[in-house]
Amino acid sequence: MHITEGIITGTPAVLYTAAGIALVGYGTTKMKKFAIQFPEKRPLLGMAGALIFFISLLPIPAFTGTCSHPCGTPFIAILFGPAIAIALTGGSLLLQAAFFAHGGFGTWGANVVALGFFGCVAGWTVFTVFRKIGFPLWAAGFAGGLVGDVAVYAASGLILAGQLTHAPTPQYSFIGYLTVIYAAYLPTQLPIAISEMVITGLAIHYICKQRPEVLVDLGLVKNALAPPRTSSKLSPLSIVLLSTLLLSTGDHAFAAGERKLPPSQYTASQMHLPEAANSFSGMDEAVNEKLAEDAGLTPKDPLINTEAMGDLWNGLLLIAGGACGFIIGRWWHLIAKRGAS
């Protein structure tokens, strides 16, 4: 969930930015200590940052005619701790604001607080509590993934409602804004949260089965013995297939007993949105920006509007990303060796 440039301005923008810098700065110190302690796992940190960057950009269509994306931050927080995950989130959000027209520099701090702090701390805390109680890894991962994902959406709604309440022409009270925002978020975000719950739990489970030493080094398990095999025949491929199924059919969980309509035929009340949006427009535009405009705040285009540059720019970014991925994949051991020296 990204809050668009121009919605948060003035003193709140300064305060959120300061909070974001402080959180990312603290996380960076933790990440440096981790890299010194485990120099061979530096590429793993890069993969974790790439995972947050990719997942939080991945658009998932919903039956409401809008689309949104998962978070990824609860899973990374469970593996590395909330501080490191917040630092990686801050870097990802900065790149997204600069080159992918998601969020903005003025709202960067608010997005770090929502996607980073609340998502990471909530997911990690719930996972840790469930493990201390005695739940297996996969069950604790389920809980952490779900609660962390929901916490991001809840925090985004709180931040947005607080800002709109003090806008030039607010349409609702603070509670009224929360009601409208959460009613709009619910049918789109909850199926995604359930999918992230499943992916997080199964991913941790299979890491423990395939590479238990990784979880031992990260402090998630106390010994390198893989958990006993169960009757489950799930495989890593099954995780992907199951998550795809959940994402593609999650809308039915909220439309039971109702005839599903094409996105263009949904009314504002049926979609739980302030106004009917274009087919599969983002929740950022359909809800956040629409409410901001009604309240007298004008969302702004990003400083570097890559969406207006067409497919050529996207193609160049894809080529550059592929080249960087190949270089890191081919010579990552040299990077780790240099870090160790």
Protein backbone atom coordinates (compact mmCIF):
# COMPACT_ATOMS: atom_id res chain seq x y z
CA MET A 1 0.00 0.00 0.00
CA HIS A 2 1.56 3.26 -1.16
CA ILE A 3 0.41 6.77 -0.26
CA THR A 4 0.81 8.97 -3.32
CA GLU A 5 2.99 12.06 -3.55
CA GLY A 6 1.16 15.25 -2.57
CA ILE A 7 -1.32 13.70 -0.11
CA ILE A 8 0.89 14.24 2.94
CA THR A 9 2.41 17.71 3.12
CA GLY A 10 3.71 20.25 5.62
CA THR A 11 4.58 19.29 9.17
CA PRO A 12 3.21 15.71 8.93
CA ALA A 13 5.43 15.05 5.91
CA VAL A 14 8.48 16.34 7.79
CA LEU A 15 7.67 14.25 10.88
CA TYR A 16 7.03 11.08 8.90
CA THR A 17 10.22 11.62 6.89
CA ALA A 18 12.22 12.07 10.09
CA ALA A 19 10.68 8.91 11.52
CA GLY A 20 11.47 7.02 8.32
CA ILE A 21 15.10 8.19 8.31
CA ALA A 22 15.52 7.21 11.97
CA LEU A 23 14.00 3.76 11.41
CA VAL A 24 16.04 3.06 8.28
CA GLY A 25 19.20 4.39 9.93
CA TYR A 26 18.79 2.09 12.91
CA GLY A 27 18.04 -0.83 10.63
CA THR A 28 21.14 -0.09 8.57
CA THR A 29 23.36 -0.36 11.65
CA LYS A 30 21.79 -3.75 12.41
CA MET A 31 22.33 -4.82 8.82
CA LYS A 32 26.02 -3.87 8.97
CA LYS A 33 26.48 -5.94 12.13
CA PHE A 34 24.72 -8.85 10.46
CA ALA A 35 26.99 -8.58 7.41
CA ILE A 36 30.09 -8.58 9.63
CA GLN A 37 28.84 -11.59 11.63
CA PHE A 38 27.71 -13.53 8.55
CA PRO A 39 29.72 -12.24 5.56
CA GLU A 40 28.73 -15.27 3.50
CA LYS A 41 25.07 -14.25 3.82
CA ARG A 42 25.43 -10.81 2.24
CA PRO A 43 23.85 -12.05 -1.00
CA LEU A 44 20.91 -13.24 1.11
CA LEU A 45 20.35 -9.66 2.26
CA GLY A 46 20.33 -8.56 -1.37
CA MET A 47 17.78 -11.21 -2.22
CA ALA A 48 15.62 -10.11 0.72
CA GLY A 49 15.65 -6.50 -0.49
CA ALA A 50 14.81 -7.61 -4.02
CA LEU A 51 11.93 -9.71 -2.68
CA ILE A 52 10.40 -6.74 -0.85
CA PHE A 53 10.89 -4.55 -3.91
CA PHE A 54 9.28 -7.04 -6.28
CA ILE A 55 6.39 -8.21 -4.09
CA SER A 56 5.32 -4.69 -3.11
CA LEU A 57 5.13 -3.79 -6.82
CA LEU A 58 3.27 -6.91 -7.94
CA PRO A 59 -0.30 -5.93 -8.96
CA ILE A 60 -3.03 -8.42 -8.06
CA PRO A 61 -6.47 -7.86 -9.70
CA ALA A 62 -9.58 -8.11 -7.53
CA PHE A 63 -13.28 -8.54 -8.21
CA THR A 64 -13.91 -4.91 -7.21
CA GLY A 65 -12.32 -3.76 -10.47
CA THR A 66 -9.20 -2.55 -8.67
CA CYS A 67 -5.84 -4.12 -7.97
CA SER A 68 -3.40 -4.04 -5.11
CA HIS A 69 -0.26 -5.83 -4.02
CA PRO A 70 1.13 -7.96 -1.18
CA CYS A 71 3.77 -6.61 1.19
CA GLY A 72 6.58 -9.13 1.69
CA THR A 73 7.87 -7.26 4.73
CA PRO A 74 6.47 -9.65 7.39
CA PHE A 75 8.32 -12.61 5.83
CA ILE A 76 11.65 -10.75 5.68
CA ALA A 77 11.17 -9.45 9.23
CA ILE A 78 10.64 -13.01 10.46
CA LEU A 79 13.91 -14.10 8.83
CA PHE A 80 16.18 -11.14 9.68
CA GLY A 81 14.37 -9.24 12.41
CA PRO A 82 12.24 -6.10 12.04
CA ALA A 83 15.10 -3.59 12.04
CA ILE A 84 16.90 -5.06 9.01
CA ALA A 85 13.60 -5.57 7.19
CA ILE A 86 12.66 -1.91 7.76
CA ALA A 87 16.00 -0.78 6.30
CA LEU A 88 15.45 -2.93 3.21
CA THR A 89 11.90 -1.58 2.93
CA GLY A 90 13.16 2.01 3.02
CA GLY A 91 15.57 1.35 0.16
CA SER A 92 12.90 -0.41 -1.88
CA LEU A 93 10.39 2.41 -1.38
CA LEU A 94 13.00 4.98 -2.40
CA LEU A 95 13.62 3.18 -5.70
CA GLN A 96 9.90 2.72 -6.27
CA ALA A 97 9.26 6.43 -5.72
CA ALA A 98 12.12 7.44 -8.00
CA PHE A 99 11.62 5.09 -10.93
CA PHE A 100 8.28 3.29 -10.74
CA ALA A 101 5.76 6.02 -9.84
CA HIS A 102 4.78 4.25 -6.61
CA GLY A 103 4.54 6.43 -3.51
CA GLY A 104 6.65 9.57 -3.51
CA PHE A 105 9.53 11.33 -1.81
CA GLY A 106 7.20 13.47 0.32
CA THR A 107 5.27 10.39 1.44
CA TRP A 108 8.32 8.13 1.69
CA GLY A 109 8.47 8.39 5.46
CA ALA A 110 4.78 7.59 5.89
CA ASN A 111 5.12 4.59 3.61
CA VAL A 112 8.18 3.38 5.57
CA VAL A 113 6.18 3.65 8.79
CA ALA A 114 3.23 1.68 7.35
CA LEU A 115 4.89 -0.91 5.11
CA GLY A 116 8.09 -1.10 7.13
CA PHE A 117 7.53 -0.47 10.82
CA PHE A 118 3.99 -1.76 11.29
CA GLY A 119 4.27 -4.65 8.84
CA CYS A 120 7.66 -5.81 10.10
CA VAL A 121 7.10 -5.37 13.83
CA ALA A 122 3.61 -6.89 13.78
CA GLY A 123 4.61 -9.89 11.66
CA TRP A 124 7.81 -10.58 13.62
CA THR A 125 6.11 -10.15 17.01
CA VAL A 126 3.23 -12.50 16.23
CA PHE A 127 5.60 -15.11 14.78
CA THR A 128 7.86 -14.91 17.85
CA VAL A 129 4.94 -15.20 20.28
CA PHE A 130 3.49 -18.19 18.43
CA ARG A 131 6.86 -19.93 18.45
CA LYS A 132 7.30 -19.34 22.19
CA ILE A 133 3.85 -20.78 22.79
CA GLY A 134 4.93 -23.91 20.94
CA PHE A 135 3.35 -23.61 17.50
CA PRO A 136 5.24 -25.21 14.57
CA LEU A 137 7.14 -23.03 12.12
CA TRP A 138 4.49 -23.13 9.42
CA ALA A 139 1.67 -22.15 11.82
CA ALA A 140 3.70 -19.30 13.31
CA GLY A 141 4.56 -18.20 9.77
CA PHE A 142 0.89 -18.26 8.82
CA ALA A 143 0.02 -16.03 11.77
CA GLY A 144 2.94 -13.65 11.25
CA GLY A 145 2.29 -13.28 7.54
CA LEU A 146 -1.41 -12.58 8.00
CA VAL A 147 -1.16 -10.16 10.93
CA GLY A 148 1.82 -8.33 9.44
CA ASP A 149 0.04 -7.87 6.12
CA VAL A 150 -3.16 -6.62 7.74
CA ALA A 151 -1.13 -4.27 9.96
CA VAL A 152 0.27 -2.54 6.85
CA TYR A 153 -3.21 -1.84 5.49
CA ALA A 154 -4.51 -0.78 8.90
CA ALA A 155 -1.59 1.62 9.40
CA SER A 156 -2.01 3.08 5.90
CA GLY A 157 -5.67 3.73 6.67
CA LEU A 158 -4.82 5.43 9.97
CA ILE A 159 -2.19 7.65 8.36
CA LEU A 160 -4.46 8.56 5.47
CA ALA A 161 -7.48 9.23 7.71
CA GLY A 162 -5.41 11.42 10.02
CA GLN A 163 -4.16 13.49 7.09
CA LEU A 164 -7.56 13.83 5.37
CA THR A 165 -9.26 14.90 8.59
CA HIS A 166 -7.09 18.04 8.59
CA ALA A 167 -7.35 18.66 4.83
CA PRO A 168 -8.82 21.92 3.46
CA THR A 169 -12.27 20.40 2.80
CA PRO A 170 -12.65 17.18 4.79
CA GLN A 171 -15.71 15.12 3.88
CA TYR A 172 -15.83 12.98 7.02
CA SER A 173 -14.66 12.86 10.61
CA PHE A 174 -11.62 10.78 11.53
CA ILE A 175 -13.82 7.78 12.37
CA GLY A 176 -15.82 8.37 9.20
CA TYR A 177 -12.69 8.31 7.07
CA LEU A 178 -11.50 5.13 8.78
CA THR A 179 -14.85 3.50 8.06
CA VAL A 180 -14.80 4.48 4.38
CA ILE A 181 -11.15 3.54 3.87
CA TYR A 182 -11.35 0.16 5.59
CA ALA A 183 -14.62 -0.69 3.82
CA ALA A 184 -12.86 0.01 0.52
CA TYR A 185 -9.71 -1.89 1.49
CA LEU A 186 -11.41 -5.00 2.88
CA PRO A 187 -12.67 -6.85 -0.24
CA THR A 188 -9.39 -6.30 -2.10
CA GLN A 189 -6.77 -6.56 0.63
CA LEU A 190 -8.08 -9.45 2.71
CA PRO A 191 -7.73 -12.13 -0.01
CA ILE A 192 -4.20 -10.85 -0.64
CA ALA A 193 -3.45 -11.01 3.09
CA ILE A 194 -4.68 -14.62 3.21
CA SER A 195 -2.46 -15.49 0.25
CA GLU A 196 0.55 -13.87 1.89
CA MET A 197 -0.26 -15.81 5.05
CA VAL A 198 -0.05 -19.10 3.15
CA ILE A 199 3.09 -18.16 1.23
CA THR A 200 4.91 -16.98 4.37
CA GLY A 201 4.12 -20.08 6.41
CA LEU A 202 4.95 -22.57 3.67
CA ALA A 203 8.11 -20.73 2.62
CA ILE A 204 9.52 -20.87 6.17
CA HIS A 205 8.48 -24.51 6.46
CA TYR A 206 10.31 -25.52 3.30
CA ILE A 207 13.39 -23.47 4.10
CA CYS A 208 13.60 -25.49 7.30
CA LYS A 209 13.22 -28.74 5.37
CA GLN A 210 15.69 -27.92 2.60
CA ARG A 211 18.22 -25.59 4.26
CA PRO A 212 17.72 -25.80 8.04
CA GLU A 213 21.20 -24.39 8.71
CA VAL A 214 20.01 -21.04 7.34
CA LEU A 215 17.29 -20.81 9.98
CA VAL A 216 19.77 -21.93 12.65
CA ASP A 217 22.15 -19.09 11.76
CA LEU A 218 19.24 -16.64 11.73
CA GLY A 219 18.10 -17.85 15.16
CA LEU A 220 14.70 -19.18 14.11
CA VAL A 221 15.44 -22.77 15.12
CA LYS A 222 17.90 -24.19 17.65
CA ASN A 223 19.28 -27.14 15.71
CA ALA A 224 19.86 -28.10 12.12
CA LEU A 225 17.51 -31.05 12.12
CA ALA A 226 14.75 -30.74 9.56
CA PRO A 227 11.21 -31.16 10.90
CA PRO A 228 9.74 -34.65 10.54
CA ARG A 229 8.02 -35.33 7.25
CA THR A 230 4.28 -35.32 7.35
CA SER A 231 1.74 -36.81 5.01
CA SER A 232 1.61 -33.52 3.12
CA LYS A 233 2.75 -33.83 -0.47
CA LEU A 234 3.19 -30.10 -0.93
CA SER A 235 6.33 -29.02 -2.76
CA PRO A 236 7.79 -25.60 -3.52
CA LEU A 237 5.94 -25.74 -6.84
CA SER A 238 2.76 -26.43 -4.90
CA ILE A 239 3.32 -23.23 -2.93
CA VAL A 240 3.34 -21.23 -6.14
CA LEU A 241 0.28 -23.02 -7.53
CA LEU A 242 -1.64 -22.69 -4.28
CA SER A 243 -0.84 -19.00 -3.91
CA THR A 244 -1.85 -18.37 -7.53
CA LEU A 245 -5.14 -20.16 -6.91
CA LEU A 246 -5.81 -18.10 -3.82
CA LEU A 247 -5.02 -14.85 -5.59
CA SER A 248 -7.17 -15.67 -8.61
CA THR A 249 -10.18 -16.93 -6.65
CA GLY A 250 -9.97 -14.88 -3.47
CA ASP A 251 -12.71 -12.57 -4.65
CA HIS A 252 -15.26 -15.39 -4.39
CA ALA A 253 -14.81 -15.45 -0.64
CA PHE A 254 -16.47 -12.05 -0.51
CA ALA A 255 -19.03 -12.57 -3.26
CA ALA A 256 -20.64 -15.77 -2.06
CA GLY A 257 -24.28 -15.91 -3.03
CA GLU A 258 -23.91 -12.99 -5.41
CA ARG A 259 -23.59 -13.05 -9.16
CA LYS A 260 -20.17 -11.81 -10.16
CA LEU A 261 -20.29 -8.84 -12.52
CA PRO A 262 -17.67 -7.52 -14.89
CA PRO A 263 -15.60 -4.74 -13.28
CA SER A 264 -17.21 -2.10 -15.51
CA GLN A 265 -20.70 -2.95 -14.17
CA TYR A 266 -19.94 -2.51 -10.48
CA THR A 267 -21.35 0.57 -8.83
CA ALA A 268 -19.58 2.56 -6.15
CA SER A 269 -21.70 1.01 -3.41
CA GLN A 270 -21.17 -2.53 -4.71
CA MET A 271 -17.42 -1.99 -4.78
CA HIS A 272 -17.39 -0.27 -1.38
CA LEU A 273 -15.48 2.56 -3.06
CA PRO A 274 -16.23 6.29 -3.06
CA GLU A 275 -16.74 6.11 -6.83
CA ALA A 276 -16.51 3.41 -9.43
CA ALA A 277 -12.98 3.23 -10.71
CA ASN A 278 -11.56 2.20 -14.05
CA SER A 279 -11.05 -1.51 -14.50
CA PHE A 280 -8.15 -2.74 -12.38
CA SER A 281 -6.94 0.70 -11.39
CA GLY A 282 -4.76 0.61 -8.31
CA MET A 283 -6.18 1.00 -4.83
CA ASP A 284 -3.82 3.96 -4.45
CA GLU A 285 -5.72 5.76 -7.21
CA ALA A 286 -9.22 4.39 -6.68
CA VAL A 287 -9.35 5.03 -2.93
CA ASN A 288 -6.45 7.06 -1.53
CA GLU A 289 -6.16 9.64 -4.31
CA LYS A 290 -9.93 9.97 -4.76
CA LEU A 291 -10.51 10.66 -1.07
CA ALA A 292 -7.61 13.12 -1.04
CA GLU A 293 -9.00 15.05 -4.01
CA ASP A 294 -12.44 15.26 -2.39
CA ALA A 295 -10.78 16.62 0.75
CA GLY A 296 -8.97 19.34 -1.17
CA LEU A 297 -5.55 17.69 -1.46
CA THR A 298 -4.05 17.30 -4.91
CA PRO A 299 -2.01 14.15 -5.55
CA LYS A 300 1.07 14.92 -7.64
CA ASP A 301 2.87 13.07 -10.38
CA PRO A 302 6.23 11.65 -9.32
CA LEU A 303 9.36 13.62 -10.11
CA ILE A 304 10.38 10.90 -12.55
CA ASN A 305 7.16 9.70 -14.17
CA THR A 306 8.18 6.41 -15.72
CA GLU A 307 4.57 5.50 -16.47
CA ALA A 308 4.43 8.38 -18.97
CA MET A 309 7.57 7.13 -20.75
CA GLY A 310 5.86 4.08 -22.16
CA ASP A 311 7.12 0.57 -22.60
CA LEU A 312 10.57 1.64 -23.77
CA TRP A 313 11.58 2.76 -20.30
CA ASN A 314 10.12 -0.36 -18.74
CA GLY A 315 12.07 -2.46 -21.22
CA LEU A 316 15.32 -0.70 -20.36
CA LEU A 317 14.69 -1.25 -16.65
CA LEU A 318 13.96 -4.91 -17.30
CA ILE A 319 17.21 -5.35 -19.25
CA ALA A 320 19.19 -3.52 -16.58
CA GLY A 321 17.62 -5.63 -13.83
CA GLY A 322 18.36 -8.83 -15.72
CA ALA A 323 21.98 -7.79 -16.26
CA CYS A 324 22.45 -6.92 -12.58
CA GLY A 325 20.83 -10.18 -11.54
CA PHE A 326 23.14 -12.17 -13.82
CA ILE A 327 26.23 -10.37 -12.54
CA ILE A 328 25.30 -10.91 -8.89
CA GLY A 329 24.30 -14.52 -9.51
CA ARG A 330 27.52 -15.29 -11.37
CA TRP A 331 30.01 -13.52 -9.11
CA TRP A 332 28.25 -13.23 -5.74
CA HIS A 333 30.98 -15.33 -4.09
CA LEU A 334 33.54 -12.67 -5.00
CA ILE A 335 31.34 -10.02 -3.39
CA ALA A 336 31.06 -12.11 -0.23
CA LYS A 337 34.81 -12.77 -0.22
CA ARG A 338 35.57 -9.09 -0.53
CA GLY A 339 33.20 -8.35 2.33
CA ALA A 340 34.83 -10.98 4.49
CA SER A 341 38.27 -9.49 3.90
